[in-house]
Amino acid sequence: MQEILEICCGLDVHKDSVVACLLKRRSAVIPKNAESTEDKEIRTFNTFLNDLNELKKWLESENCRHVAMESTGVYCFPVYDVLETAFEGNLELLVTNARHLKNVPGKKPI
């Protein structure tokens, strides 16, 4: 699979916590025998407003402008509200439906 973004983040939103997985590409040139060409950092945040603001500050400090999260009922609304103001509104925030991911080519069927 061709890598497109240099840095991105995926969020797993729960009732009491948000787990963020930040991926950073190490270099523009991908060696043929490399096992992994990216650095991965996982952090967990509570869903209180102060903690969500910490998530926003962390993403801004890492210069992560592409974030995707699953639509999980009403739990994703506060996260979206806080993150939509990151980078003065220049953050690309995707809210996805997990049912649509089942038919993605290359994914193992459930």
PDB file of N, CA and C in Angstrom:
ATOM      1  N   MET A   1       0.841  -1.173   0.000  1.00  0.00           N
ATOM      2  CA  MET A   1       0.000   0.000   0.000  1.00  0.00           C
ATOM      3  C   MET A   1       0.891   1.243   0.000  1.00  0.00           C
ATOM      4  N   GLN A   2       0.570   2.199  -0.832  1.00  0.00           N
ATOM      5  CA  GLN A   2       1.355   3.421  -0.932  1.00  0.00           C
ATOM      6  C   GLN A   2       1.011   4.368   0.213  1.00  0.00           C
ATOM      7  N   GLU A   3       2.044   4.880   0.856  1.00  0.00           N
ATOM      8  CA  GLU A   3       1.841   5.835   1.936  1.00  0.00           C
ATOM      9  C   GLU A   3       1.618   7.212   1.337  1.00  0.00           C
ATOM     10  N   ILE A   4       0.640   7.940   1.881  1.00  0.00           N
ATOM     11  CA  ILE A   4       0.309   9.256   1.353  1.00  0.00           C
ATOM     12  C   ILE A   4       0.645  10.347   2.354  1.00  0.00           C
ATOM     13  N   LEU A   5       0.295  10.151   3.621  1.00  0.00           N
ATOM     14  CA  LEU A   5       0.475  11.172   4.642  1.00  0.00           C
ATOM     15  C   LEU A   5       1.763  10.945   5.422  1.00  0.00           C
ATOM     16  N   GLU A   6       2.422  12.030   5.782  1.00  0.00           N
ATOM     17  CA  GLU A   6       3.626  11.918   6.600  1.00  0.00           C
ATOM     18  C   GLU A   6       3.286  11.720   8.068  1.00  0.00           C
ATOM     19  N   ILE A   7       2.174  12.293   8.505  1.00  0.00           N
ATOM     20  CA  ILE A   7       1.755  12.151   9.895  1.00  0.00           C
ATOM     21  C   ILE A   7       0.226  12.152   9.941  1.00  0.00           C
ATOM     22  N   CYS A   8      -0.320  11.236  10.734  1.00  0.00           N
ATOM     23  CA  CYS A   8      -1.769  11.156  10.878  1.00  0.00           C
ATOM     24  C   CYS A   8      -2.091  10.502  12.222  1.00  0.00           C
ATOM     25  N   CYS A   9      -3.355  10.590  12.615  1.00  0.00           N
ATOM     26  CA  CYS A   9      -3.774  10.052  13.905  1.00  0.00           C
ATOM     27  C   CYS A   9      -5.130   9.386  13.750  1.00  0.00           C
ATOM     28  N   GLY A  10      -5.289   8.245  14.396  1.00  0.00           N
ATOM     29  CA  GLY A  10      -6.571   7.562  14.470  1.00  0.00           C
ATOM     30  C   GLY A  10      -7.046   7.565  15.910  1.00  0.00           C
ATOM     31  N   LEU A  11      -8.326   7.833  16.110  1.00  0.00           N
ATOM     32  CA  LEU A  11      -8.894   7.895  17.451  1.00  0.00           C
ATOM     33  C   LEU A  11      -9.904   6.790  17.655  1.00  0.00           C
ATOM     34  N   ASP A  12      -9.809   6.129  18.785  1.00  0.00           N
ATOM     35  CA  ASP A  12     -10.796   5.143  19.206  1.00  0.00           C
ATOM     36  C   ASP A  12     -11.541   5.763  20.380  1.00  0.00           C
ATOM     37  N   VAL A  13     -12.777   6.170  20.151  1.00  0.00           N
ATOM     38  CA  VAL A  13     -13.546   6.929  21.140  1.00  0.00           C
ATOM     39  C   VAL A  13     -14.433   5.987  21.938  1.00  0.00           C
ATOM     40  N   HIS A  14     -14.306   6.064  23.254  1.00  0.00           N
ATOM     41  CA  HIS A  14     -15.136   5.292  24.177  1.00  0.00           C
ATOM     42  C   HIS A  14     -15.906   6.261  25.065  1.00  0.00           C
ATOM     43  N   LYS A  15     -16.735   5.735  25.932  1.00  0.00           N
ATOM     44  CA  LYS A  15     -17.523   6.574  26.836  1.00  0.00           C
ATOM     45  C   LYS A  15     -16.625   7.372  27.775  1.00  0.00           C
ATOM     46  N   ASP A  16     -15.610   6.730  28.351  1.00  0.00           N
ATOM     47  CA  ASP A  16     -14.779   7.372  29.369  1.00  0.00           C
ATOM     48  C   ASP A  16     -13.366   7.689  28.906  1.00  0.00           C
ATOM     49  N   SER A  17     -12.992   7.297  27.695  1.00  0.00           N
ATOM     50  CA  SER A  17     -11.622   7.530  27.244  1.00  0.00           C
ATOM     51  C   SER A  17     -11.552   7.643  25.727  1.00  0.00           C
ATOM     52  N   VAL A  18     -10.456   8.231  25.281  1.00  0.00           N
ATOM     53  CA  VAL A  18     -10.139   8.327  23.860  1.00  0.00           C
ATOM     54  C   VAL A  18      -8.709   7.820  23.696  1.00  0.00           C
ATOM     55  N   VAL A  19      -8.541   6.801  22.869  1.00  0.00           N
ATOM     56  CA  VAL A  19      -7.209   6.257  22.602  1.00  0.00           C
ATOM     57  C   VAL A  19      -6.765   6.806  21.253  1.00  0.00           C
ATOM     58  N   ALA A  20      -5.605   7.468  21.250  1.00  0.00           N
ATOM     59  CA  ALA A  20      -5.077   8.090  20.035  1.00  0.00           C
ATOM     60  C   ALA A  20      -3.821   7.353  19.594  1.00  0.00           C
ATOM     61  N   CYS A  21      -3.768   7.000  18.322  1.00  0.00           N
ATOM     62  CA  CYS A  21      -2.599   6.356  17.731  1.00  0.00           C
ATOM     63  C   CYS A  21      -2.034   7.292  16.672  1.00  0.00           C
ATOM     64  N   LEU A  22      -0.865   7.836  16.931  1.00  0.00           N
ATOM     65  CA  LEU A  22      -0.209   8.786  16.028  1.00  0.00           C
ATOM     66  C   LEU A  22       0.850   8.055  15.224  1.00  0.00           C
ATOM     67  N   LEU A  23       0.777   8.171  13.901  1.00  0.00           N
ATOM     68  CA  LEU A  23       1.760   7.546  13.012  1.00  0.00           C
ATOM     69  C   LEU A  23       2.553   8.632  12.306  1.00  0.00           C
ATOM     70  N   LYS A  24       3.896   8.491  12.342  1.00  0.00           N
ATOM     71  CA  LYS A  24       4.791   9.429  11.660  1.00  0.00           C
ATOM     72  C   LYS A  24       5.697   8.636  10.730  1.00  0.00           C
ATOM     73  N   ARG A  25       5.782   9.070   9.496  1.00  0.00           N
ATOM     74  CA  ARG A  25       6.694   8.443   8.548  1.00  0.00           C
ATOM     75  C   ARG A  25       8.100   8.932   8.841  1.00  0.00           C
ATOM     76  N   ARG A  26       9.058   8.016   8.876  1.00  0.00           N
ATOM     77  CA  ARG A  26      10.447   8.370   9.214  1.00  0.00           C
ATOM     78  C   ARG A  26      11.145   9.115   8.099  1.00  0.00           C
ATOM     79  N   SER A  27      10.979   8.673   6.859  1.00  0.00           N
ATOM     80  CA  SER A  27      11.665   9.328   5.740  1.00  0.00           C
ATOM     81  C   SER A  27      10.819   9.198   4.485  1.00  0.00           C
ATOM     82  N   ALA A  28      11.128  10.008   3.503  1.00  0.00           N
ATOM     83  CA  ALA A  28      10.395   9.971   2.243  1.00  0.00           C
ATOM     84  C   ALA A  28      10.783   8.750   1.412  1.00  0.00           C
ATOM     85  N   VAL A  29      11.998   8.260   1.594  1.00  0.00           N
ATOM     86  CA  VAL A  29      12.466   7.085   0.859  1.00  0.00           C
ATOM     87  C   VAL A  29      12.206   5.846   1.699  1.00  0.00           C
ATOM     88  N   ILE A  30      11.512   4.878   1.114  1.00  0.00           N
ATOM     89  CA  ILE A  30      11.168   3.652   1.826  1.00  0.00           C
ATOM     90  C   ILE A  30      12.117   2.537   1.389  1.00  0.00           C
ATOM     91  N   PRO A  31      12.988   2.056   2.308  1.00  0.00           N
ATOM     92  CA  PRO A  31      13.884   0.964   1.944  1.00  0.00           C
ATOM     93  C   PRO A  31      13.107  -0.323   1.683  1.00  0.00           C
ATOM     94  N   LYS A  32      13.615  -1.150   0.753  1.00  0.00           N
ATOM     95  CA  LYS A  32      12.905  -2.366   0.366  1.00  0.00           C
ATOM     96  C   LYS A  32      12.823  -3.389   1.487  1.00  0.00           C
ATOM     97  N   ASN A  33      13.862  -3.511   2.300  1.00  0.00           N
ATOM     98  CA  ASN A  33      13.895  -4.543   3.335  1.00  0.00           C
ATOM     99  C   ASN A  33      13.509  -4.034   4.719  1.00  0.00           C
ATOM    100  N   ALA A  34      12.955  -2.849   4.800  1.00  0.00           N
ATOM    101  CA  ALA A  34      12.602  -2.281   6.107  1.00  0.00           C
ATOM    102  C   ALA A  34      11.333  -2.934   6.630  1.00  0.00           C
ATOM    103  N   GLU A  35      11.343  -3.287   7.911  1.00  0.00           N
ATOM    104  CA  GLU A  35      10.148  -3.869   8.521  1.00  0.00           C
ATOM    105  C   GLU A  35       9.087  -2.808   8.757  1.00  0.00           C
ATOM    106  N   SER A  36       9.499  -1.649   9.238  1.00  0.00           N
ATOM    107  CA  SER A  36       8.554  -0.579   9.519  1.00  0.00           C
ATOM    108  C   SER A  36       9.191   0.751   9.153  1.00  0.00           C
ATOM    109  N   THR A  37       8.421   1.588   8.470  1.00  0.00           N
ATOM    110  CA  THR A  37       8.948   2.884   8.063  1.00  0.00           C
ATOM    111  C   THR A  37       8.291   4.017   8.842  1.00  0.00           C
ATOM    112  N   GLU A  38       7.546   3.686   9.882  1.00  0.00           N
ATOM    113  CA  GLU A  38       6.899   4.738  10.650  1.00  0.00           C
ATOM    114  C   GLU A  38       7.093   4.527  12.146  1.00  0.00           C
ATOM    115  N   ASP A  39       6.987   5.639  12.870  1.00  0.00           N
ATOM    116  CA  ASP A  39       6.991   5.604  14.325  1.00  0.00           C
ATOM    117  C   ASP A  39       5.548   5.695  14.790  1.00  0.00           C
ATOM    118  N   LYS A  40       5.223   4.916  15.805  1.00  0.00           N
ATOM    119  CA  LYS A  40       3.853   4.883  16.314  1.00  0.00           C
ATOM    120  C   LYS A  40       3.874   5.252  17.787  1.00  0.00           C
ATOM    121  N   GLU A  41       2.965   6.144  18.161  1.00  0.00           N
ATOM    122  CA  GLU A  41       2.823   6.528  19.568  1.00  0.00           C
ATOM    123  C   GLU A  41       1.349   6.442  19.932  1.00  0.00           C
ATOM    124  N   ILE A  42       1.061   5.761  21.033  1.00  0.00           N
ATOM    125  CA  ILE A  42      -0.321   5.588  21.486  1.00  0.00           C
ATOM    126  C   ILE A  42      -0.475   6.255  22.845  1.00  0.00           C
ATOM    127  N   ARG A  43      -1.487   7.095  22.957  1.00  0.00           N
ATOM    128  CA  ARG A  43      -1.796   7.769  24.218  1.00  0.00           C
ATOM    129  C   ARG A  43      -3.285   7.646  24.494  1.00  0.00           C
ATOM    130  N   THR A  44      -3.627   7.621  25.778  1.00  0.00           N
ATOM    131  CA  THR A  44      -5.019   7.548  26.201  1.00  0.00           C
ATOM    132  C   THR A  44      -5.374   8.812  26.968  1.00  0.00           C
ATOM    133  N   PHE A  45      -6.522   9.391  26.612  1.00  0.00           N
ATOM    134  CA  PHE A  45      -7.017  10.607  27.244  1.00  0.00           C
ATOM    135  C   PHE A  45      -8.409  10.347  27.807  1.00  0.00           C
ATOM    136  N   ASN A  46      -8.727  10.990  28.921  1.00  0.00           N
ATOM    137  CA  ASN A  46     -10.090  10.928  29.446  1.00  0.00           C
ATOM    138  C   ASN A  46     -10.984  11.816  28.591  1.00  0.00           C
ATOM    139  N   THR A  47     -12.291  11.726  28.801  1.00  0.00           N
ATOM    140  CA  THR A  47     -13.229  12.482  27.974  1.00  0.00           C
ATOM    141  C   THR A  47     -13.700  13.781  28.616  1.00  0.00           C
ATOM    142  N   PHE A  48     -13.043  14.208  29.692  1.00  0.00           N
ATOM    143  CA  PHE A  48     -13.363  15.516  30.266  1.00  0.00           C
ATOM    144  C   PHE A  48     -12.805  16.598  29.350  1.00  0.00           C
ATOM    145  N   LEU A  49     -13.378  17.790  29.424  1.00  0.00           N
ATOM    146  CA  LEU A  49     -12.991  18.874  28.523  1.00  0.00           C
ATOM    147  C   LEU A  49     -11.503  19.207  28.621  1.00  0.00           C
ATOM    148  N   ASN A  50     -10.959  19.243  29.841  1.00  0.00           N
ATOM    149  CA  ASN A  50      -9.525  19.540  29.996  1.00  0.00           C
ATOM    150  C   ASN A  50      -8.659  18.493  29.310  1.00  0.00           C
ATOM    151  N   ASP A  51      -9.054  17.229  29.418  1.00  0.00           N
ATOM    152  CA  ASP A  51      -8.284  16.146  28.792  1.00  0.00           C
ATOM    153  C   ASP A  51      -8.387  16.197  27.272  1.00  0.00           C
ATOM    154  N   LEU A  52      -9.569  16.542  26.751  1.00  0.00           N
ATOM    155  CA  LEU A  52      -9.723  16.667  25.305  1.00  0.00           C
ATOM    156  C   LEU A  52      -8.910  17.844  24.773  1.00  0.00           C
ATOM    157  N   ASN A  53      -8.795  18.899  25.566  1.00  0.00           N
ATOM    158  CA  ASN A  53      -7.936  20.015  25.170  1.00  0.00           C
ATOM    159  C   ASN A  53      -6.463  19.602  25.175  1.00  0.00           C
ATOM    160  N   GLU A  54      -6.080  18.698  26.086  1.00  0.00           N
ATOM    161  CA  GLU A  54      -4.712  18.152  26.086  1.00  0.00           C
ATOM    162  C   GLU A  54      -4.463  17.337  24.816  1.00  0.00           C
ATOM    163  N   LEU A  55      -5.459  16.571  24.383  1.00  0.00           N
ATOM    164  CA  LEU A  55      -5.359  15.822  23.129  1.00  0.00           C
ATOM    165  C   LEU A  55      -5.142  16.788  21.971  1.00  0.00           C
ATOM    166  N   LYS A  56      -5.910  17.860  21.939  1.00  0.00           N
ATOM    167  CA  LYS A  56      -5.778  18.870  20.882  1.00  0.00           C
ATOM    168  C   LYS A  56      -4.381  19.500  20.900  1.00  0.00           C
ATOM    169  N   LYS A  57      -3.882  19.855  22.088  1.00  0.00           N
ATOM    170  CA  LYS A  57      -2.544  20.457  22.201  1.00  0.00           C
ATOM    171  C   LYS A  57      -1.466  19.481  21.741  1.00  0.00           C
ATOM    172  N   TRP A  58      -1.634  18.199  22.083  1.00  0.00           N
ATOM    173  CA  TRP A  58      -0.663  17.186  21.678  1.00  0.00           C
ATOM    174  C   TRP A  58      -0.624  17.049  20.155  1.00  0.00           C
ATOM    175  N   LEU A  59      -1.794  17.006  19.525  1.00  0.00           N
ATOM    176  CA  LEU A  59      -1.842  16.903  18.066  1.00  0.00           C
ATOM    177  C   LEU A  59      -1.222  18.131  17.408  1.00  0.00           C
ATOM    178  N   GLU A  60      -1.480  19.307  17.975  1.00  0.00           N
ATOM    179  CA  GLU A  60      -0.887  20.529  17.432  1.00  0.00           C
ATOM    180  C   GLU A  60       0.631  20.538  17.620  1.00  0.00           C
ATOM    181  N   SER A  61       1.111  20.065  18.768  1.00  0.00           N
ATOM    182  CA  SER A  61       2.562  20.039  19.006  1.00  0.00           C
ATOM    183  C   SER A  61       3.266  19.045  18.081  1.00  0.00           C
ATOM    184  N   GLU A  62       2.568  18.003  17.677  1.00  0.00           N
ATOM    185  CA  GLU A  62       3.140  17.014  16.752  1.00  0.00           C
ATOM    186  C   GLU A  62       2.906  17.403  15.287  1.00  0.00           C
ATOM    187  N   ASN A  63       2.206  18.517  15.059  1.00  0.00           N
ATOM    188  CA  ASN A  63       1.849  19.011  13.725  1.00  0.00           C
ATOM    189  C   ASN A  63       1.041  17.983  12.935  1.00  0.00           C
ATOM    190  N   CYS A  64       0.127  17.319  13.613  1.00  0.00           N
ATOM    191  CA  CYS A  64      -0.749  16.330  12.987  1.00  0.00           C
ATOM    192  C   CYS A  64      -2.027  17.025  12.513  1.00  0.00           C
ATOM    193  N   ARG A  65      -2.195  17.101  11.198  1.00  0.00           N
ATOM    194  CA  ARG A  65      -3.334  17.817  10.629  1.00  0.00           C
ATOM    195  C   ARG A  65      -4.363  16.884  10.005  1.00  0.00           C
ATOM    196  N   HIS A  66      -4.198  15.565  10.156  1.00  0.00           N
ATOM    197  CA  HIS A  66      -5.138  14.592   9.614  1.00  0.00           C
ATOM    198  C   HIS A  66      -5.522  13.604  10.709  1.00  0.00           C
ATOM    199  N   VAL A  67      -6.791  13.629  11.101  1.00  0.00           N
ATOM    200  CA  VAL A  67      -7.281  12.785  12.187  1.00  0.00           C
ATOM    201  C   VAL A  67      -8.544  12.066  11.709  1.00  0.00           C
ATOM    202  N   ALA A  68      -8.634  10.785  12.037  1.00  0.00           N
ATOM    203  CA  ALA A  68      -9.828  10.004  11.707  1.00  0.00           C
ATOM    204  C   ALA A  68     -10.338   9.341  12.976  1.00  0.00           C
ATOM    205  N   MET A  69     -11.663   9.297  13.118  1.00  0.00           N
ATOM    206  CA  MET A  69     -12.263   8.613  14.256  1.00  0.00           C
ATOM    207  C   MET A  69     -13.555   7.950  13.816  1.00  0.00           C
ATOM    208  N   GLU A  70     -13.908   6.913  14.542  1.00  0.00           N
ATOM    209  CA  GLU A  70     -15.116   6.164  14.256  1.00  0.00           C
ATOM    210  C   GLU A  70     -16.308   6.873  14.890  1.00  0.00           C
ATOM    211  N   SER A  71     -17.424   6.884  14.181  1.00  0.00           N
ATOM    212  CA  SER A  71     -18.629   7.477  14.750  1.00  0.00           C
ATOM    213  C   SER A  71     -19.215   6.482  15.754  1.00  0.00           C
ATOM    214  N   THR A  72     -19.126   6.815  17.016  1.00  0.00           N
ATOM    215  CA  THR A  72     -19.565   5.905  18.086  1.00  0.00           C
ATOM    216  C   THR A  72     -20.711   6.559  18.856  1.00  0.00           C
ATOM    217  N   GLY A  73     -21.846   6.658  18.225  1.00  0.00           N
ATOM    218  CA  GLY A  73     -23.003   7.251  18.888  1.00  0.00           C
ATOM    219  C   GLY A  73     -22.744   8.694  19.268  1.00  0.00           C
ATOM    220  N   VAL A  74     -23.136   9.057  20.469  1.00  0.00           N
ATOM    221  CA  VAL A  74     -22.997  10.441  20.924  1.00  0.00           C
ATOM    222  C   VAL A  74     -21.616  10.722  21.509  1.00  0.00           C
ATOM    223  N   TYR A  75     -20.783   9.705  21.697  1.00  0.00           N
ATOM    224  CA  TYR A  75     -19.479   9.896  22.338  1.00  0.00           C
ATOM    225  C   TYR A  75     -18.492  10.659  21.461  1.00  0.00           C
ATOM    226  N   CYS A  76     -18.684  10.644  20.159  1.00  0.00           N
ATOM    227  CA  CYS A  76     -17.736  11.323  19.273  1.00  0.00           C
ATOM    228  C   CYS A  76     -18.011  12.823  19.167  1.00  0.00           C
ATOM    229  N   PHE A  77     -19.185  13.300  19.573  1.00  0.00           N
ATOM    230  CA  PHE A  77     -19.524  14.718  19.423  1.00  0.00           C
ATOM    231  C   PHE A  77     -18.619  15.656  20.218  1.00  0.00           C
ATOM    232  N   PRO A  78     -18.365  15.421  21.520  1.00  0.00           N
ATOM    233  CA  PRO A  78     -17.472  16.336  22.240  1.00  0.00           C
ATOM    234  C   PRO A  78     -16.052  16.330  21.687  1.00  0.00           C
ATOM    235  N   VAL A  79     -15.578  15.168  21.265  1.00  0.00           N
ATOM    236  CA  VAL A  79     -14.229  15.069  20.696  1.00  0.00           C
ATOM    237  C   VAL A  79     -14.167  15.891  19.413  1.00  0.00           C
ATOM    238  N   TYR A  80     -15.166  15.757  18.574  1.00  0.00           N
ATOM    239  CA  TYR A  80     -15.215  16.512  17.323  1.00  0.00           C
ATOM    240  C   TYR A  80     -15.258  18.010  17.603  1.00  0.00           C
ATOM    241  N   ASP A  81     -16.093  18.428  18.568  1.00  0.00           N
ATOM    242  CA  ASP A  81     -16.231  19.851  18.887  1.00  0.00           C
ATOM    243  C   ASP A  81     -14.907  20.471  19.320  1.00  0.00           C
ATOM    244  N   VAL A  82     -14.122  19.756  20.102  1.00  0.00           N
ATOM    245  CA  VAL A  82     -12.834  20.280  20.571  1.00  0.00           C
ATOM    246  C   VAL A  82     -11.824  20.298  19.433  1.00  0.00           C
ATOM    247  N   LEU A  83     -11.754  19.231  18.647  1.00  0.00           N
ATOM    248  CA  LEU A  83     -10.720  19.119  17.621  1.00  0.00           C
ATOM    249  C   LEU A  83     -10.977  19.977  16.396  1.00  0.00           C
ATOM    250  N   GLU A  84     -12.223  20.358  16.140  1.00  0.00           N
ATOM    251  CA  GLU A  84     -12.488  21.142  14.938  1.00  0.00           C
ATOM    252  C   GLU A  84     -11.873  22.544  15.001  1.00  0.00           C
ATOM    253  N   THR A  85     -11.480  22.983  16.204  1.00  0.00           N
ATOM    254  CA  THR A  85     -10.838  24.294  16.338  1.00  0.00           C
ATOM    255  C   THR A  85      -9.314  24.204  16.313  1.00  0.00           C
ATOM    256  N   ALA A  86      -8.767  23.003  16.194  1.00  0.00           N
ATOM    257  CA  ALA A  86      -7.306  22.845  16.159  1.00  0.00           C
ATOM    258  C   ALA A  86      -6.746  23.472  14.893  1.00  0.00           C
ATOM    259  N   PHE A  87      -5.542  24.016  15.002  1.00  0.00           N
ATOM    260  CA  PHE A  87      -4.869  24.683  13.885  1.00  0.00           C
ATOM    261  C   PHE A  87      -5.765  25.763  13.283  1.00  0.00           C
ATOM    262  N   GLU A  88      -6.512  26.442  14.128  1.00  0.00           N
ATOM    263  CA  GLU A  88      -7.429  27.515  13.716  1.00  0.00           C
ATOM    264  C   GLU A  88      -8.411  27.031  12.651  1.00  0.00           C
ATOM    265  N   GLY A  89      -8.896  25.807  12.813  1.00  0.00           N
ATOM    266  CA  GLY A  89      -9.881  25.237  11.896  1.00  0.00           C
ATOM    267  C   GLY A  89      -9.293  24.557  10.682  1.00  0.00           C
ATOM    268  N   ASN A  90      -7.966  24.422  10.600  1.00  0.00           N
ATOM    269  CA  ASN A  90      -7.317  23.806   9.442  1.00  0.00           C
ATOM    270  C   ASN A  90      -6.919  22.350   9.688  1.00  0.00           C
ATOM    271  N   LEU A  91      -7.638  21.666  10.548  1.00  0.00           N
ATOM    272  CA  LEU A  91      -7.402  20.245  10.801  1.00  0.00           C
ATOM    273  C   LEU A  91      -8.395  19.444   9.965  1.00  0.00           C
ATOM    274  N   GLU A  92      -7.913  18.445   9.256  1.00  0.00           N
ATOM    275  CA  GLU A  92      -8.803  17.584   8.493  1.00  0.00           C
ATOM    276  C   GLU A  92      -9.261  16.460   9.425  1.00  0.00           C
ATOM    277  N   LEU A  93     -10.516  16.509   9.818  1.00  0.00           N
ATOM    278  CA  LEU A  93     -11.079  15.577  10.791  1.00  0.00           C
ATOM    279  C   LEU A  93     -12.134  14.725  10.103  1.00  0.00           C
ATOM    280  N   LEU A  94     -11.867  13.427  10.004  1.00  0.00           N
ATOM    281  CA  LEU A  94     -12.789  12.497   9.355  1.00  0.00           C
ATOM    282  C   LEU A  94     -13.535  11.688  10.404  1.00  0.00           C
ATOM    283  N   VAL A  95     -14.841  11.622  10.271  1.00  0.00           N
ATOM    284  CA  VAL A  95     -15.661  10.759  11.115  1.00  0.00           C
ATOM    285  C   VAL A  95     -16.167   9.652  10.203  1.00  0.00           C
ATOM    286  N   THR A  96     -15.784   8.414  10.524  1.00  0.00           N
ATOM    287  CA  THR A  96     -16.089   7.287   9.643  1.00  0.00           C
ATOM    288  C   THR A  96     -17.111   6.359  10.264  1.00  0.00           C
ATOM    289  N   ASN A  97     -17.723   5.561   9.418  1.00  0.00           N
ATOM    290  CA  ASN A  97     -18.676   4.550   9.849  1.00  0.00           C
ATOM    291  C   ASN A  97     -17.989   3.190   9.758  1.00  0.00           C
ATOM    292  N   ALA A  98     -17.924   2.463  10.854  1.00  0.00           N
ATOM    293  CA  ALA A  98     -17.216   1.181  10.901  1.00  0.00           C
ATOM    294  C   ALA A  98     -17.823   0.157   9.949  1.00  0.00           C
ATOM    295  N   ARG A  99     -19.090   0.223   9.703  1.00  0.00           N
ATOM    296  CA  ARG A  99     -19.725  -0.735   8.779  1.00  0.00           C
ATOM    297  C   ARG A  99     -19.193  -0.590   7.363  1.00  0.00           C
ATOM    298  N   HIS A 100     -18.807   0.627   6.985  1.00  0.00           N
ATOM    299  CA  HIS A 100     -18.276   0.835   5.644  1.00  0.00           C
ATOM    300  C   HIS A 100     -16.879   0.264   5.493  1.00  0.00           C
ATOM    301  N   LEU A 101     -16.159   0.084   6.590  1.00  0.00           N
ATOM    302  CA  LEU A 101     -14.792  -0.435   6.526  1.00  0.00           C
ATOM    303  C   LEU A 101     -14.745  -1.939   6.307  1.00  0.00           C
ATOM    304  N   LYS A 102     -15.849  -2.636   6.504  1.00  0.00           N
ATOM    305  CA  LYS A 102     -15.842  -4.087   6.334  1.00  0.00           C
ATOM    306  C   LYS A 102     -15.563  -4.486   4.894  1.00  0.00           C
ATOM    307  N   ASN A 103     -15.905  -3.639   3.925  1.00  0.00           N
ATOM    308  CA  ASN A 103     -15.761  -3.987   2.512  1.00  0.00           C
ATOM    309  C   ASN A 103     -14.537  -3.380   1.864  1.00  0.00           C
ATOM    310  N   VAL A 104     -13.587  -2.892   2.653  1.00  0.00           N
ATOM    311  CA  VAL A 104     -12.369  -2.307   2.098  1.00  0.00           C
ATOM    312  C   VAL A 104     -11.471  -3.435   1.577  1.00  0.00           C
ATOM    313  N   PRO A 105     -11.017  -3.343   0.306  1.00  0.00           N
ATOM    314  CA  PRO A 105     -10.125  -4.385  -0.216  1.00  0.00           C
ATOM    315  C   PRO A 105      -8.859  -4.504   0.619  1.00  0.00           C
ATOM    316  N   GLY A 106      -8.459  -5.740   0.876  1.00  0.00           N
ATOM    317  CA  GLY A 106      -7.245  -5.978   1.632  1.00  0.00           C
ATOM    318  C   GLY A 106      -7.482  -6.169   3.126  1.00  0.00           C
ATOM    319  N   LYS A 107      -8.677  -5.845   3.590  1.00  0.00           N
ATOM    320  CA  LYS A 107      -8.986  -6.063   5.005  1.00  0.00           C
ATOM    321  C   LYS A 107      -9.557  -7.455   5.169  1.00  0.00           C
ATOM    322  N   LYS A 108      -9.238  -8.063   6.273  1.00  0.00           N
ATOM    323  CA  LYS A 108      -9.760  -9.396   6.576  1.00  0.00           C
ATOM    324  C   LYS A 108     -11.252  -9.281   6.913  1.00  0.00           C
ATOM    325  N   PRO A 109     -12.111 -10.070   6.283  1.00  0.00           N
ATOM    326  CA  PRO A 109     -13.544 -10.005   6.581  1.00  0.00           C
ATOM    327  C   PRO A 109     -13.843 -10.501   8.000  1.00  0.00           C
ATOM    328  N   ILE A 110     -14.819  -9.897   8.607  1.00  0.00           N
ATOM    329  CA  ILE A 110     -15.189 -10.274   9.983  1.00  0.00           C
ATOM    330  C   ILE A 110     -16.294 -11.295   9.957  1.00  0.00           C
TER     331      ILE A 110
END
